[in-house]
C-alpha cells in the first residue's frame, strides 16, 4: 500500500536526517512545522493578491499555492534560526568545553536528533495525509477513467489507501475545511458520473438566471463539450474545454456559481432526487414555462365564437408553427425571459411572412395574487390557475405550462 510505503520511507529518512543534523536544528524544524501549519491559511490570504499580480487566475491554484508558500516561508525562517543556534552551541563545545564534553554532547545531540526526527516525520506524514485526503476525495469521484494521468491515478490510490487503513481519520482530525467542501465534491461526482442529471439541474430555480448568461449559453451549444460528457471523457479533458475555461477564469462568474451552489446544497440534492425544491416551491412562478398551443387556442376560440371552423383551423396551424419554441423563464432574481416570441397579430391568409421571433428580457413581480411582467416595450399581467400561466396581449391570450 502506498500509505504504508510512504510512512516507512518518510519516517526512516527523516529520522536519519535528524540524527545527522542534531537535536537543536531538528527541534527548531519541528516547531516551524507546527507553527507553519497553524499560520499557513491566515498568511496565505495576504499572499493570494500577490499571485494575482503574476497572472495566476485558477481558483484551485489560488486556493492551494498561497498557504503552501506561507508554510515554506515559516519553515525557512525557523531553519535559519536553527542554523544560527546550532552554530553557537557547536562553537562552545568545540573550542571551550573540552574533548570529553564535546564527545558526550555530540552523542547526545545526534541521538535526540534522531528521536525528534521521528516527530518531524510524523508531523510531515499528518500534513501529507491532510493534503491527500481532500484532493483525493474529489479525484476518486471525478477521476474514474483509466486514461487519467499518472498523478491522478496515484492520488486516487493514495486516497483509497487512507480510507482502508483508517488514516483518513487522522487527516480529518486536523482538517479545517468546511463540510460544504465535501458536500460539493459529492454533488460534482454525482453529476459527472450521471450526465443525464444535468438536464434536471438546469431547471433548478436558483440556476435559471445563470443558465441565461452568455457563457453558459455558449457552453450548452458547444458540440465538443456535449460529446465529451456523453463519452465520459476524463475530468481534466472536460475542464480543459475552452467554454469551461472561460467560466473558470471569470472570477465574478466563478464566485457567483460557487455561492449559488453552496447556499443551496441540500435543496439541490433533494431536487435532483425528487424533482422538487422545498426551498423554492412556495413561489409557483419560478421555472421554465412552455407555450401551450391547445390551451391558447381554446381561449381564442371562446373569445371569437363567430369565426368559421376553417378559419380557426388555419389559425391553429399558424399557432402550432410559430409558438413551438416559445418559452417563458422566471428566475429567483425576479428576472423574466421570453424566448422565440413571434408577432402576436394573427396574419391574414395572404399576409407577408411574419417577422422573426424575438427574445424579451425584463422583470417580474407579484402583486395582488397576480404577476406583473415588465419588458422594454410592454407590461403583461398574468394569472396562475390550475398549473397554467395566462396573460393577455394584443387581443390574444398567451398560456404557458410549467416544464417539470
Protein backbone atom coordinates (compact mmCIF):
# COMPACT_ATOMS: atom_id res chain seq x y z
CA UNK A 1 0.00 0.00 0.00
CA UNK A 2 1.19 3.49 -0.87
CA UNK A 3 0.46 4.93 2.58
CA UNK A 4 2.45 2.26 4.44
CA UNK A 5 5.34 2.62 1.99
CA UNK A 6 5.25 6.39 2.35
CA UNK A 7 5.18 6.07 6.14
CA UNK A 8 8.20 3.75 6.29
CA UNK A 9 10.30 5.74 3.83
CA UNK A 10 9.40 9.10 5.33
CA UNK A 11 10.00 8.15 8.96
CA UNK A 12 13.25 6.35 8.19
CA UNK A 13 14.67 9.17 6.08
CA UNK A 14 13.63 11.96 8.44
CA UNK A 15 14.94 10.07 11.48
CA UNK A 16 18.28 9.57 9.71
CA UNK A 17 18.35 13.25 8.75
CA UNK A 18 17.54 14.21 12.34
CA UNK A 19 20.40 12.04 13.62
CA UNK A 20 22.76 13.79 11.22
CA UNK A 21 21.56 17.35 11.88
CA UNK A 22 21.28 17.11 15.64
CA UNK A 23 18.69 17.97 18.26
CA UNK A 24 18.80 21.77 18.01
CA UNK A 25 18.14 22.03 14.29
CA UNK A 26 15.52 19.28 14.34
CA UNK A 27 13.73 20.84 17.33
CA UNK A 28 13.57 24.20 15.58
CA UNK A 29 12.27 22.45 12.46
CA UNK A 30 9.57 20.70 14.44
CA UNK A 31 8.35 23.99 15.94
CA UNK A 32 8.50 25.53 12.45
CA UNK A 33 6.31 22.74 11.06
CA UNK A 34 3.71 23.21 13.79
CA UNK A 35 3.68 27.00 13.58
CA UNK A 36 3.78 26.97 9.77
CA UNK A 37 0.74 24.69 9.65
CA UNK A 38 -1.13 26.97 12.06
CA UNK A 39 -0.46 30.26 10.23
CA UNK A 40 -0.40 28.95 6.63
CA UNK A 41 -4.02 29.83 5.89
CA UNK A 42 -4.04 33.33 7.50
CA UNK A 43 -0.73 34.29 5.86
CA UNK A 44 -1.91 32.72 2.62
CA UNK A 45 -4.74 35.25 2.43
CA UNK A 46 -2.14 38.04 2.39
CA UNK A 47 -0.09 36.28 -0.30
CA UNK A 48 -3.07 35.50 -2.55
CA UNK A 49 -3.38 39.03 -4.09
CA UNK A 50 0.32 38.92 -4.99
CA UNK A 51 -0.22 35.79 -7.11
CA UNK A 52 -2.94 37.67 -8.98
CA UNK A 53 -0.35 40.27 -9.98
CA UNK A 54 1.65 37.50 -11.65
CA UNK A 55 -1.36 36.39 -13.69
CA UNK A 56 -2.47 33.40 -11.62
CA UNK A 57 -6.24 33.11 -12.09
CA UNK A 58 -7.02 29.44 -11.48
CA UNK A 59 -9.23 29.13 -8.37
CA UNK A 60 -7.52 25.85 -7.46
CA UNK A 61 -4.03 27.36 -7.61
CA UNK A 62 -5.17 30.44 -5.70
CA UNK A 63 -6.56 28.14 -3.02
CA UNK A 64 -3.57 25.79 -2.71
CA UNK A 65 -0.43 27.80 -3.50
CA UNK A 66 -0.66 30.77 -1.04
CA UNK A 67 -0.86 28.59 2.14
CA UNK A 68 1.91 26.38 0.78
CA UNK A 69 4.14 29.42 0.19
CA UNK A 70 3.37 30.70 3.69
CA UNK A 71 4.27 27.31 5.20
CA UNK A 72 7.57 27.21 3.30
CA UNK A 73 8.46 30.76 4.36
CA UNK A 74 7.85 29.99 8.05
CA UNK A 75 9.84 26.74 7.78
CA UNK A 76 12.77 28.52 6.16
CA UNK A 77 12.83 31.17 8.88
CA UNK A 78 12.97 28.52 11.59
CA UNK A 79 15.69 26.59 9.77
CA UNK A 80 17.79 29.74 9.52
CA UNK A 81 17.29 30.37 13.25
CA UNK A 82 18.16 26.73 13.92
CA UNK A 83 21.40 27.00 11.97
CA UNK A 84 22.43 30.09 13.96
CA UNK A 85 21.62 28.46 17.33
CA UNK A 86 23.35 25.22 16.37
CA UNK A 87 26.49 27.06 15.30
CA UNK A 88 26.75 28.91 18.62
CA UNK A 89 26.36 25.73 20.67
CA UNK A 90 28.79 23.85 18.42
CA UNK A 91 31.42 26.58 18.76
CA UNK A 92 31.09 26.47 22.55
CA UNK A 93 31.56 22.72 22.86
CA UNK A 94 34.27 22.58 20.20
CA UNK A 95 36.50 25.33 21.50
CA UNK A 96 35.59 25.85 25.18
CA UNK A 97 34.14 22.67 26.74
CA UNK A 98 36.94 20.18 26.19
CA UNK A 99 37.11 16.95 24.23
CA UNK A 100 35.18 14.76 26.69
CA UNK A 101 32.23 17.12 26.98
CA UNK A 102 32.31 17.61 23.19
CA UNK A 103 32.09 13.85 22.61
CA UNK A 104 29.28 13.46 25.12
CA UNK A 105 27.43 16.40 23.59
CA UNK A 106 27.75 15.09 20.04
CA UNK A 107 26.45 11.65 21.05
CA UNK A 108 23.50 13.16 22.94
CA UNK A 109 22.83 15.66 20.15
CA UNK A 110 22.67 13.00 17.43
CA UNK A 111 20.54 10.55 19.40
CA UNK A 112 17.99 13.16 20.50
CA UNK A 113 18.05 14.48 16.94
CA UNK A 114 17.08 11.06 15.64
CA UNK A 115 14.18 10.83 18.10
CA UNK A 116 12.98 14.33 17.27
CA UNK A 117 13.36 13.45 13.60
CA UNK A 118 10.66 10.81 14.09
CA UNK A 119 8.38 13.55 15.44
CA UNK A 120 9.12 15.62 12.36
CA UNK A 121 8.32 12.62 10.21
CA UNK A 122 5.01 12.08 11.97
CA UNK A 123 4.15 15.76 11.58
CA UNK A 124 5.00 15.66 7.86
CA UNK A 125 3.02 12.43 7.46
CA UNK A 126 -0.07 14.04 9.02
CA UNK A 127 0.29 17.10 6.77
CA UNK A 128 0.73 14.93 3.68
CA UNK A 129 -2.34 12.89 4.63
CA UNK A 130 -4.23 16.15 5.11
CA UNK A 131 -3.24 17.23 1.59
CA UNK A 132 -4.04 13.86 0.03
CA UNK A 133 -7.44 13.40 1.64
CA UNK A 134 -9.36 16.47 0.32
CA UNK A 135 -7.88 16.27 -3.17
CA UNK A 136 -8.43 12.53 -3.45
CA UNK A 137 -11.99 12.97 -2.17
CA UNK A 138 -12.62 14.88 -5.40
CA UNK A 139 -10.45 12.89 -7.80
CA UNK A 140 -11.76 9.48 -6.70
CA UNK A 141 -15.26 10.60 -7.69
CA UNK A 142 -14.23 12.53 -10.80
CA UNK A 143 -11.22 10.53 -11.97
CA UNK A 144 -12.71 7.12 -12.69
CA UNK A 145 -11.41 6.88 -16.28
CA UNK A 146 -8.45 4.52 -16.73
CA UNK A 147 -6.91 7.09 -19.09
CA UNK A 148 -6.44 9.55 -16.24
CA UNK A 149 -2.90 10.97 -15.83
CA UNK A 150 -0.46 9.07 -13.65
CA UNK A 151 -0.59 11.72 -10.91
CA UNK A 152 -4.37 11.46 -10.65
CA UNK A 153 -4.28 7.66 -10.55
CA UNK A 154 -1.65 7.71 -7.80
CA UNK A 155 -3.65 10.30 -5.85
CA UNK A 156 -6.74 8.13 -6.14
CA UNK A 157 -4.82 5.11 -4.93
CA UNK A 158 -3.35 7.06 -2.01
CA UNK A 159 -6.79 8.37 -1.06
CA UNK A 160 -8.23 4.85 -1.19
CA UNK A 161 -5.38 3.59 1.00
CA UNK A 162 -6.05 6.37 3.50
CA UNK A 163 -9.62 5.16 3.79
CA UNK A 164 -8.73 1.48 4.05
CA UNK A 165 -6.06 1.99 6.71
CA UNK A 166 -8.22 4.35 8.73
CA UNK A 167 -5.57 7.06 8.45
CA UNK A 168 -8.22 9.28 6.86
CA UNK A 169 -9.50 9.87 10.40
CA UNK A 170 -6.16 11.47 11.26
CA UNK A 171 -6.38 13.68 8.19
CA UNK A 172 -9.92 14.72 9.06
CA UNK A 173 -8.93 15.49 12.67
CA UNK A 174 -6.64 18.31 11.51
CA UNK A 175 -8.87 19.30 8.61
CA UNK A 176 -10.28 22.81 8.90
CA UNK A 177 -12.19 22.67 5.61
CA UNK A 178 -15.90 23.35 5.71
CA UNK A 179 -18.25 20.34 5.35
CA UNK A 180 -19.54 22.15 2.26
CA UNK A 181 -16.23 21.32 0.56
CA UNK A 182 -17.04 17.63 0.71
CA UNK A 183 -20.75 18.10 0.00
CA UNK A 184 -19.88 19.97 -3.19
CA UNK A 185 -17.50 17.15 -4.13
CA UNK A 186 -20.32 14.62 -3.68
CA UNK A 187 -22.58 16.73 -5.87
CA UNK A 188 -19.88 17.13 -8.53
CA UNK A 189 -19.23 13.38 -8.55
CA UNK A 190 -22.94 12.62 -8.87
CA UNK A 191 -23.32 14.97 -11.85
CA UNK A 192 -20.07 13.95 -13.53
CA UNK A 193 -20.96 10.26 -13.47
CA UNK A 194 -24.60 10.84 -14.44
CA UNK A 195 -24.62 13.29 -17.41
CA UNK A 196 -28.40 12.97 -17.83
CA UNK A 197 -28.88 14.71 -14.48
CA UNK A 198 -27.54 17.93 -15.99
CA UNK A 199 -30.85 18.48 -17.78
CA UNK A 200 -32.71 18.37 -14.46
CA UNK A 201 -30.10 20.54 -12.77
CA UNK A 202 -30.52 23.24 -15.43
CA UNK A 203 -34.16 23.58 -14.31
CA UNK A 204 -33.28 24.16 -10.66
CA UNK A 205 -34.78 27.57 -9.77
CA UNK A 206 -31.54 29.15 -8.50
CA UNK A 207 -29.72 28.19 -11.72
CA UNK A 208 -32.27 29.59 -14.17
CA UNK A 209 -30.66 33.03 -14.24
CA UNK A 210 -27.16 31.58 -14.58
CA UNK A 211 -28.29 29.42 -17.48
CA UNK A 212 -29.28 32.54 -19.43
CA UNK A 213 -25.81 34.08 -19.21
CA UNK A 214 -23.86 34.11 -22.44
CA UNK A 215 -21.06 31.89 -21.08
CA UNK A 216 -23.47 29.08 -20.18
CA UNK A 217 -25.46 29.53 -23.37
CA UNK A 218 -22.26 29.05 -25.40
CA UNK A 219 -21.31 26.04 -23.27
CA UNK A 220 -24.72 24.44 -23.84
CA UNK A 221 -24.34 24.89 -27.61
CA UNK A 222 -20.79 23.52 -27.69
CA UNK A 223 -20.92 20.19 -29.52
CA UNK A 224 -17.41 19.25 -28.40
CA UNK A 225 -18.36 19.65 -24.73
CA UNK A 226 -21.54 17.62 -25.24
CA UNK A 227 -19.59 14.78 -26.86
CA UNK A 228 -17.09 14.80 -24.00
CA UNK A 229 -19.87 14.39 -21.46
CA UNK A 230 -21.67 11.69 -23.43
CA UNK A 231 -18.44 9.71 -23.93
CA UNK A 232 -17.40 10.29 -20.28
CA UNK A 233 -14.06 11.81 -21.16
CA UNK A 234 -11.55 12.24 -18.29
CA UNK A 235 -12.34 15.12 -15.97
CA UNK A 236 -9.25 17.14 -16.90
CA UNK A 237 -10.25 16.99 -20.59
CA UNK A 238 -13.71 18.31 -19.75
CA UNK A 239 -12.24 21.09 -17.61
CA UNK A 240 -9.83 21.96 -20.43
CA UNK A 241 -12.69 22.84 -22.79
CA UNK A 242 -12.43 26.47 -23.90
CA UNK A 243 -16.01 27.27 -22.82
CA UNK A 244 -15.43 25.76 -19.38
CA UNK A 245 -12.16 27.68 -19.03
CA UNK A 246 -13.96 30.92 -19.89
CA UNK A 247 -16.25 30.33 -16.90
CA UNK A 248 -13.48 29.26 -14.52
CA UNK A 249 -11.25 32.20 -15.44
CA UNK A 250 -14.05 34.70 -14.88
CA UNK A 251 -13.70 35.41 -11.12
CA UNK A 252 -17.06 37.17 -10.84
CA UNK A 253 -18.93 34.35 -12.55
CA UNK A 254 -16.98 31.60 -10.78
CA UNK A 255 -17.77 33.12 -7.37
CA UNK A 256 -21.42 33.55 -8.33
CA UNK A 257 -21.67 29.87 -9.26
CA UNK A 258 -19.88 28.85 -6.07
CA UNK A 259 -22.11 30.96 -3.85
CA UNK A 260 -25.25 29.69 -5.58
CA UNK A 261 -24.22 26.06 -5.13
CA UNK A 262 -23.02 26.38 -1.52
CA UNK A 263 -26.12 28.23 -0.31
CA UNK A 264 -28.45 25.66 -1.89
CA UNK A 265 -26.57 22.36 -1.44
CA UNK A 266 -29.19 20.42 0.48
CA UNK A 267 -32.02 21.71 -1.69
CA UNK A 268 -30.14 20.86 -4.89
CA UNK A 269 -29.67 17.23 -3.79
CA UNK A 270 -33.37 16.99 -2.95
CA UNK A 271 -34.25 18.48 -6.35
CA UNK A 272 -32.02 16.00 -8.20
CA UNK A 273 -33.55 13.09 -6.28
CA UNK A 274 -37.22 14.10 -6.43
CA UNK A 275 -37.59 16.93 -8.96
CA UNK A 276 -38.95 19.15 -6.16
CA UNK A 277 -37.34 22.13 -4.47
CA UNK A 278 -38.59 22.57 -0.88
CA UNK A 279 -36.77 25.90 -0.67
CA UNK A 280 -38.45 27.49 -3.70
CA UNK A 281 -41.65 25.51 -4.23
CA UNK A 282 -43.73 28.15 -2.43
CA UNK A 283 -43.00 30.57 -5.31
CA UNK A 284 -45.02 28.90 -8.06
CA UNK A 285 -43.91 31.26 -10.83
CA UNK A 286 -40.28 30.14 -10.79
CA UNK A 287 -39.09 27.89 -13.59
CA UNK A 288 -39.39 27.35 -17.33
CA UNK A 289 -42.85 27.63 -18.89
CA UNK A 290 -43.62 26.15 -22.29
CA UNK A 291 -46.25 27.73 -24.52
CA UNK A 292 -49.43 25.62 -24.51
CA UNK A 293 -50.90 25.83 -28.01
CA UNK A 294 -54.06 23.87 -27.21
CA UNK A 295 -54.98 25.99 -24.19
CA UNK A 296 -54.18 29.24 -26.01
CA UNK A 297 -56.26 28.13 -29.00
CA UNK A 298 -59.19 27.18 -26.76
CA UNK A 299 -59.07 30.63 -25.14
CA UNK A 300 -59.02 32.27 -28.58
CA UNK A 301 -61.93 30.18 -29.75
CA UNK A 302 -64.01 31.17 -26.72
CA UNK A 303 -63.18 34.82 -27.39
CA UNK A 304 -64.19 34.55 -31.10
CA UNK A 305 -67.22 32.28 -31.30
CA UNK A 306 -68.36 33.76 -34.64
CA UNK A 307 -65.21 32.78 -36.57
CA UNK A 308 -65.72 29.90 -39.01
CA UNK A 309 -64.30 26.45 -38.40
CA UNK A 310 -61.99 26.62 -41.44
CA UNK A 311 -60.56 29.94 -40.26
CA UNK A 312 -59.98 28.58 -36.78
CA UNK A 313 -58.17 25.58 -38.20
CA UNK A 314 -55.92 27.93 -40.18
CA UNK A 315 -55.22 29.94 -37.04
CA UNK A 316 -54.39 26.78 -35.09
CA UNK A 317 -51.91 25.67 -37.76
CA UNK A 318 -50.34 29.12 -37.56
CA UNK A 319 -50.11 28.98 -33.77
CA UNK A 320 -48.62 25.47 -33.83
CA UNK A 321 -45.92 26.59 -36.24
CA UNK A 322 -44.86 29.89 -34.68
CA UNK A 323 -45.15 29.10 -30.96
CA UNK A 324 -43.45 25.69 -30.95
CA UNK A 325 -40.26 27.12 -29.38
CA UNK A 326 -41.78 29.87 -27.24
CA UNK A 327 -40.66 29.63 -23.61
CA UNK A 328 -41.06 31.91 -20.60
CA UNK A 329 -38.49 31.79 -17.80
CA UNK A 330 -38.90 33.32 -14.33
CA UNK A 331 -35.81 33.33 -12.10
CA UNK A 332 -35.20 33.70 -8.37
CA UNK A 333 -33.64 37.14 -9.05
CA UNK A 334 -37.08 38.21 -10.36
CA UNK A 335 -35.78 38.36 -13.91
CA UNK A 336 -38.05 37.25 -16.74
CA UNK A 337 -37.22 35.99 -20.22
CA UNK A 338 -39.49 35.16 -23.14
CA UNK A 339 -37.70 33.30 -25.91
CA UNK A 340 -38.79 32.88 -29.53
CA UNK A 341 -41.89 35.04 -29.15
CA UNK A 342 -43.48 35.64 -32.58
CA UNK A 343 -45.68 38.52 -33.58
CA UNK A 344 -48.98 38.17 -31.72
CA UNK A 345 -51.01 39.64 -34.55
CA UNK A 346 -52.86 36.84 -36.34
CA UNK A 347 -51.93 37.07 -40.04
CA UNK A 348 -54.48 37.13 -42.83
CA UNK A 349 -54.39 34.34 -45.44
CA UNK A 350 -52.38 36.41 -47.95
CA UNK A 351 -50.21 38.33 -45.50
CA UNK A 352 -46.48 38.75 -45.87
CA UNK A 353 -44.27 36.32 -43.93
CA UNK A 354 -44.11 37.42 -40.27
CA UNK A 355 -41.03 38.93 -38.69
CA UNK A 356 -38.55 36.64 -36.97
CA UNK A 357 -39.40 35.72 -33.37
CA UNK A 358 -37.81 37.91 -30.73
CA UNK A 359 -36.33 37.35 -27.29
CA UNK A 360 -37.51 39.60 -24.47
CA UNK A 361 -35.81 40.25 -21.15
CA UNK A 362 -37.37 42.04 -18.22
CA UNK A 363 -38.53 41.61 -14.67
CA UNK A 364 -41.45 40.04 -12.85
CA UNK A 365 -43.17 40.87 -9.60
CA UNK A 366 -46.17 39.59 -7.68
CA UNK A 367 -48.94 41.99 -6.83
CA UNK A 368 -52.41 41.19 -5.53
CA UNK A 369 -52.20 37.50 -6.36
CA UNK A 370 -51.19 38.24 -9.97
CA UNK A 371 -47.84 38.57 -11.67
CA UNK A 372 -46.64 41.67 -13.49
CA UNK A 373 -44.09 41.08 -16.25
CA UNK A 374 -42.29 44.25 -17.28
CA UNK A 375 -40.43 44.22 -20.57
CA UNK A 376 -38.89 47.09 -22.52
CA UNK A 377 -41.86 47.58 -24.85
CA UNK A 378 -44.77 46.25 -22.84
CA UNK A 379 -46.11 45.17 -19.47
CA UNK A 380 -48.11 41.97 -19.13
CA UNK A 381 -50.33 40.90 -16.24
CA UNK A 382 -50.50 37.14 -15.72
CA UNK A 383 -52.61 34.88 -13.53
CA UNK A 384 -51.70 31.39 -12.37
CA UNK A 385 -54.55 28.90 -12.15
CA UNK A 386 -54.57 25.12 -12.34
CA UNK A 387 -50.89 24.93 -13.25
CA UNK A 388 -51.36 27.27 -16.24
CA UNK A 389 -49.95 30.77 -16.53
CA UNK A 390 -52.20 33.02 -18.64
CA UNK A 391 -51.66 36.58 -19.85
CA UNK A 392 -53.47 38.78 -22.37
CA UNK A 393 -51.66 40.73 -25.08
CA UNK A 394 -52.94 42.33 -28.29
CA UNK A 395 -56.29 40.59 -28.02
CA UNK A 396 -54.74 37.14 -27.62
CA UNK A 397 -54.35 35.01 -24.52
CA UNK A 398 -50.90 33.52 -24.02
CA UNK A 399 -50.96 30.32 -22.00
CA UNK A 400 -47.92 28.58 -20.56
CA UNK A 401 -47.47 25.30 -18.68
CA UNK A 402 -44.63 24.57 -16.30
CA UNK A 403 -41.83 22.28 -17.52
CA UNK A 404 -41.19 19.52 -14.97
